[in-house]
N, C-alpha and C. Protein backbone atom coordinates (compact mmCIF):
# COMPACT_ATOMS: atom_id res chain seq x y z
N MET A 1 0.83 -1.19 0.00
CA MET A 1 0.00 0.00 0.00
C MET A 1 0.87 1.24 0.00
N ALA A 2 0.29 2.30 -0.49
CA ALA A 2 1.03 3.56 -0.52
C ALA A 2 1.20 4.09 0.89
N LYS A 3 2.23 4.87 1.08
CA LYS A 3 2.50 5.43 2.40
C LYS A 3 1.37 6.36 2.83
N GLY A 4 0.96 6.23 4.07
CA GLY A 4 -0.10 7.08 4.59
C GLY A 4 -1.50 6.59 4.32
N ARG A 5 -1.63 5.49 3.60
CA ARG A 5 -2.95 4.93 3.32
C ARG A 5 -3.23 3.77 4.27
N PHE A 6 -4.46 3.66 4.69
CA PHE A 6 -4.83 2.54 5.55
C PHE A 6 -6.29 2.19 5.30
N LYS A 7 -6.64 0.97 5.60
CA LYS A 7 -8.00 0.52 5.43
C LYS A 7 -8.85 0.97 6.60
N LEU A 8 -10.09 1.29 6.32
CA LEU A 8 -11.04 1.65 7.36
C LEU A 8 -11.84 0.41 7.73
N LYS A 9 -12.03 0.20 9.01
CA LYS A 9 -12.77 -0.98 9.45
C LYS A 9 -14.26 -0.67 9.56
N THR A 10 -15.05 -1.61 9.10
CA THR A 10 -16.50 -1.51 9.20
C THR A 10 -16.94 -1.91 10.60
N VAL A 11 -17.86 -1.16 11.17
CA VAL A 11 -18.46 -1.52 12.46
C VAL A 11 -19.54 -2.55 12.18
N LYS A 12 -19.29 -3.79 12.58
CA LYS A 12 -20.16 -4.91 12.21
C LYS A 12 -21.57 -4.79 12.77
N GLY A 13 -21.72 -4.17 13.94
CA GLY A 13 -23.05 -4.00 14.52
C GLY A 13 -23.93 -3.11 13.66
N VAL A 14 -23.33 -2.08 13.08
CA VAL A 14 -24.09 -1.18 12.20
C VAL A 14 -24.43 -1.90 10.90
N LYS A 15 -23.47 -2.66 10.39
CA LYS A 15 -23.69 -3.40 9.15
C LYS A 15 -24.84 -4.40 9.30
N ALA A 16 -24.95 -5.03 10.47
CA ALA A 16 -26.00 -6.01 10.70
C ALA A 16 -27.36 -5.37 10.89
N ARG A 17 -27.40 -4.16 11.42
CA ARG A 17 -28.69 -3.53 11.76
C ARG A 17 -29.27 -2.67 10.66
N LEU A 18 -28.44 -2.18 9.76
CA LEU A 18 -28.90 -1.24 8.74
C LEU A 18 -28.61 -1.77 7.35
N LYS A 19 -29.41 -1.29 6.39
CA LYS A 19 -29.23 -1.66 4.99
C LYS A 19 -29.11 -0.38 4.19
N VAL A 20 -28.16 -0.36 3.24
CA VAL A 20 -27.99 0.80 2.38
C VAL A 20 -28.81 0.56 1.10
N THR A 21 -29.65 1.53 0.75
CA THR A 21 -30.48 1.39 -0.45
C THR A 21 -29.65 1.70 -1.69
N GLY A 22 -30.24 1.53 -2.83
CA GLY A 22 -29.55 1.80 -4.08
C GLY A 22 -29.19 3.26 -4.26
N THR A 23 -29.95 4.15 -3.65
CA THR A 23 -29.68 5.58 -3.76
C THR A 23 -28.78 6.09 -2.64
N GLY A 24 -28.36 5.17 -1.75
CA GLY A 24 -27.43 5.57 -0.69
C GLY A 24 -28.07 5.92 0.64
N LYS A 25 -29.38 5.79 0.73
CA LYS A 25 -30.05 6.06 2.00
C LYS A 25 -29.95 4.83 2.90
N LEU A 26 -30.26 5.02 4.18
CA LEU A 26 -30.15 3.92 5.15
C LEU A 26 -31.53 3.50 5.64
N LEU A 27 -31.75 2.19 5.66
CA LEU A 27 -32.98 1.62 6.18
C LEU A 27 -32.69 0.89 7.47
N GLY A 28 -33.56 1.07 8.46
CA GLY A 28 -33.40 0.38 9.72
C GLY A 28 -34.75 0.21 10.39
N HIS A 29 -34.78 -0.60 11.43
CA HIS A 29 -36.03 -0.83 12.15
C HIS A 29 -36.10 0.07 13.37
N ARG A 30 -37.29 0.48 13.71
CA ARG A 30 -37.53 1.33 14.86
C ARG A 30 -37.60 0.51 16.14
N ALA A 31 -37.41 1.18 17.25
CA ALA A 31 -37.51 0.52 18.55
C ALA A 31 -38.98 0.35 18.94
N GLY A 32 -39.22 -0.53 19.91
CA GLY A 32 -40.56 -0.66 20.47
C GLY A 32 -41.31 -1.91 20.05
N ARG A 33 -40.61 -2.89 19.51
CA ARG A 33 -41.33 -4.08 19.05
C ARG A 33 -40.78 -5.35 19.70
N ARG A 34 -40.20 -5.26 20.87
CA ARG A 34 -39.61 -6.42 21.54
C ARG A 34 -40.50 -7.01 22.63
N HIS A 35 -41.05 -6.14 23.45
CA HIS A 35 -41.84 -6.65 24.57
C HIS A 35 -42.90 -5.64 24.93
N LEU A 36 -43.79 -6.01 25.84
CA LEU A 36 -44.95 -5.20 26.25
C LEU A 36 -45.84 -4.85 25.06
N LEU A 37 -46.01 -5.80 24.16
CA LEU A 37 -46.76 -5.53 22.94
C LEU A 37 -48.27 -5.51 23.17
N HIS A 38 -48.74 -6.13 24.24
CA HIS A 38 -50.18 -6.16 24.48
C HIS A 38 -50.73 -4.77 24.78
N GLY A 39 -49.91 -3.84 25.21
CA GLY A 39 -50.37 -2.49 25.49
C GLY A 39 -50.30 -1.55 24.30
N LYS A 40 -49.82 -2.05 23.17
CA LYS A 40 -49.67 -1.21 21.99
C LYS A 40 -50.76 -1.54 20.98
N ARG A 41 -51.19 -0.55 20.26
CA ARG A 41 -52.25 -0.72 19.28
C ARG A 41 -51.75 -1.51 18.07
N ALA A 42 -52.67 -2.17 17.41
CA ALA A 42 -52.34 -3.01 16.25
C ALA A 42 -51.72 -2.17 15.13
N LYS A 43 -52.20 -0.96 14.95
CA LYS A 43 -51.67 -0.10 13.89
C LYS A 43 -50.21 0.24 14.14
N LEU A 44 -49.86 0.52 15.37
CA LEU A 44 -48.47 0.83 15.71
C LEU A 44 -47.58 -0.39 15.48
N LYS A 45 -48.03 -1.54 15.92
CA LYS A 45 -47.23 -2.76 15.73
C LYS A 45 -47.07 -3.08 14.25
N ARG A 46 -48.08 -2.82 13.47
CA ARG A 46 -48.02 -3.07 12.03
C ARG A 46 -47.00 -2.14 11.36
N HIS A 47 -46.97 -0.89 11.78
CA HIS A 47 -46.02 0.07 11.20
C HIS A 47 -44.59 -0.19 11.67
N LEU A 48 -44.43 -0.70 12.87
CA LEU A 48 -43.09 -1.01 13.37
C LEU A 48 -42.49 -2.23 12.67
N ARG A 49 -43.32 -3.02 12.02
CA ARG A 49 -42.85 -4.22 11.34
C ARG A 49 -41.96 -3.88 10.14
N ARG A 50 -42.22 -2.79 9.49
CA ARG A 50 -41.50 -2.40 8.28
C ARG A 50 -40.25 -1.59 8.61
N ALA A 51 -39.26 -1.73 7.74
CA ALA A 51 -38.05 -0.92 7.87
C ALA A 51 -38.36 0.51 7.44
N GLN A 52 -37.73 1.47 8.12
CA GLN A 52 -37.96 2.87 7.81
C GLN A 52 -36.63 3.55 7.57
N LEU A 53 -36.66 4.67 6.89
CA LEU A 53 -35.45 5.42 6.61
C LEU A 53 -34.88 6.01 7.89
N VAL A 54 -33.56 5.95 8.01
CA VAL A 54 -32.89 6.59 9.14
C VAL A 54 -32.96 8.09 8.92
N ALA A 55 -33.07 8.86 9.98
CA ALA A 55 -33.18 10.31 9.89
C ALA A 55 -31.99 10.89 9.12
N PHE A 56 -32.27 11.88 8.30
CA PHE A 56 -31.24 12.49 7.44
C PHE A 56 -30.07 13.03 8.25
N VAL A 57 -30.35 13.61 9.43
CA VAL A 57 -29.28 14.20 10.24
C VAL A 57 -28.32 13.15 10.79
N ASP A 58 -28.78 11.90 10.90
CA ASP A 58 -27.93 10.83 11.42
C ASP A 58 -27.18 10.07 10.33
N GLN A 59 -27.59 10.22 9.08
CA GLN A 59 -27.02 9.39 8.02
C GLN A 59 -25.54 9.62 7.81
N ARG A 60 -25.08 10.85 7.87
CA ARG A 60 -23.66 11.12 7.62
C ARG A 60 -22.78 10.51 8.70
N LYS A 61 -23.24 10.56 9.95
CA LYS A 61 -22.48 9.96 11.05
C LYS A 61 -22.41 8.44 10.90
N ILE A 62 -23.52 7.83 10.51
CA ILE A 62 -23.57 6.38 10.41
C ILE A 62 -22.77 5.89 9.21
N LYS A 63 -22.75 6.64 8.12
CA LYS A 63 -22.02 6.21 6.93
C LYS A 63 -20.52 6.17 7.15
N THR A 64 -20.01 6.91 8.13
CA THR A 64 -18.59 6.82 8.44
C THR A 64 -18.28 5.48 9.12
N LEU A 65 -19.29 4.83 9.70
CA LEU A 65 -19.08 3.55 10.36
C LEU A 65 -19.12 2.37 9.38
N ILE A 66 -19.71 2.60 8.21
CA ILE A 66 -19.72 1.55 7.17
C ILE A 66 -19.15 2.17 5.89
N PRO A 67 -17.83 2.33 5.83
CA PRO A 67 -17.20 3.10 4.75
C PRO A 67 -17.32 2.48 3.36
N TYR A 68 -17.45 1.17 3.24
CA TYR A 68 -17.45 0.53 1.92
C TYR A 68 -18.82 0.05 1.49
N ALA A 69 -19.86 0.52 2.15
CA ALA A 69 -21.23 0.10 1.82
C ALA A 69 -21.82 1.03 0.78
């Protein structure tokens, strides 16, 4: 390798939890679907089932953790 160059390591926890879309956005699941589900409405549980886009303000920080995605 050239002098001063080094590989960046991917944070495996982020790689496992998030997916990068074709346009470069991040998809992830929201919190609140693990336990105490009997107190939550069916509509909320149905919406939590789907992956949602990560907030735009957080995307730049997270993309530094998965440099080659």
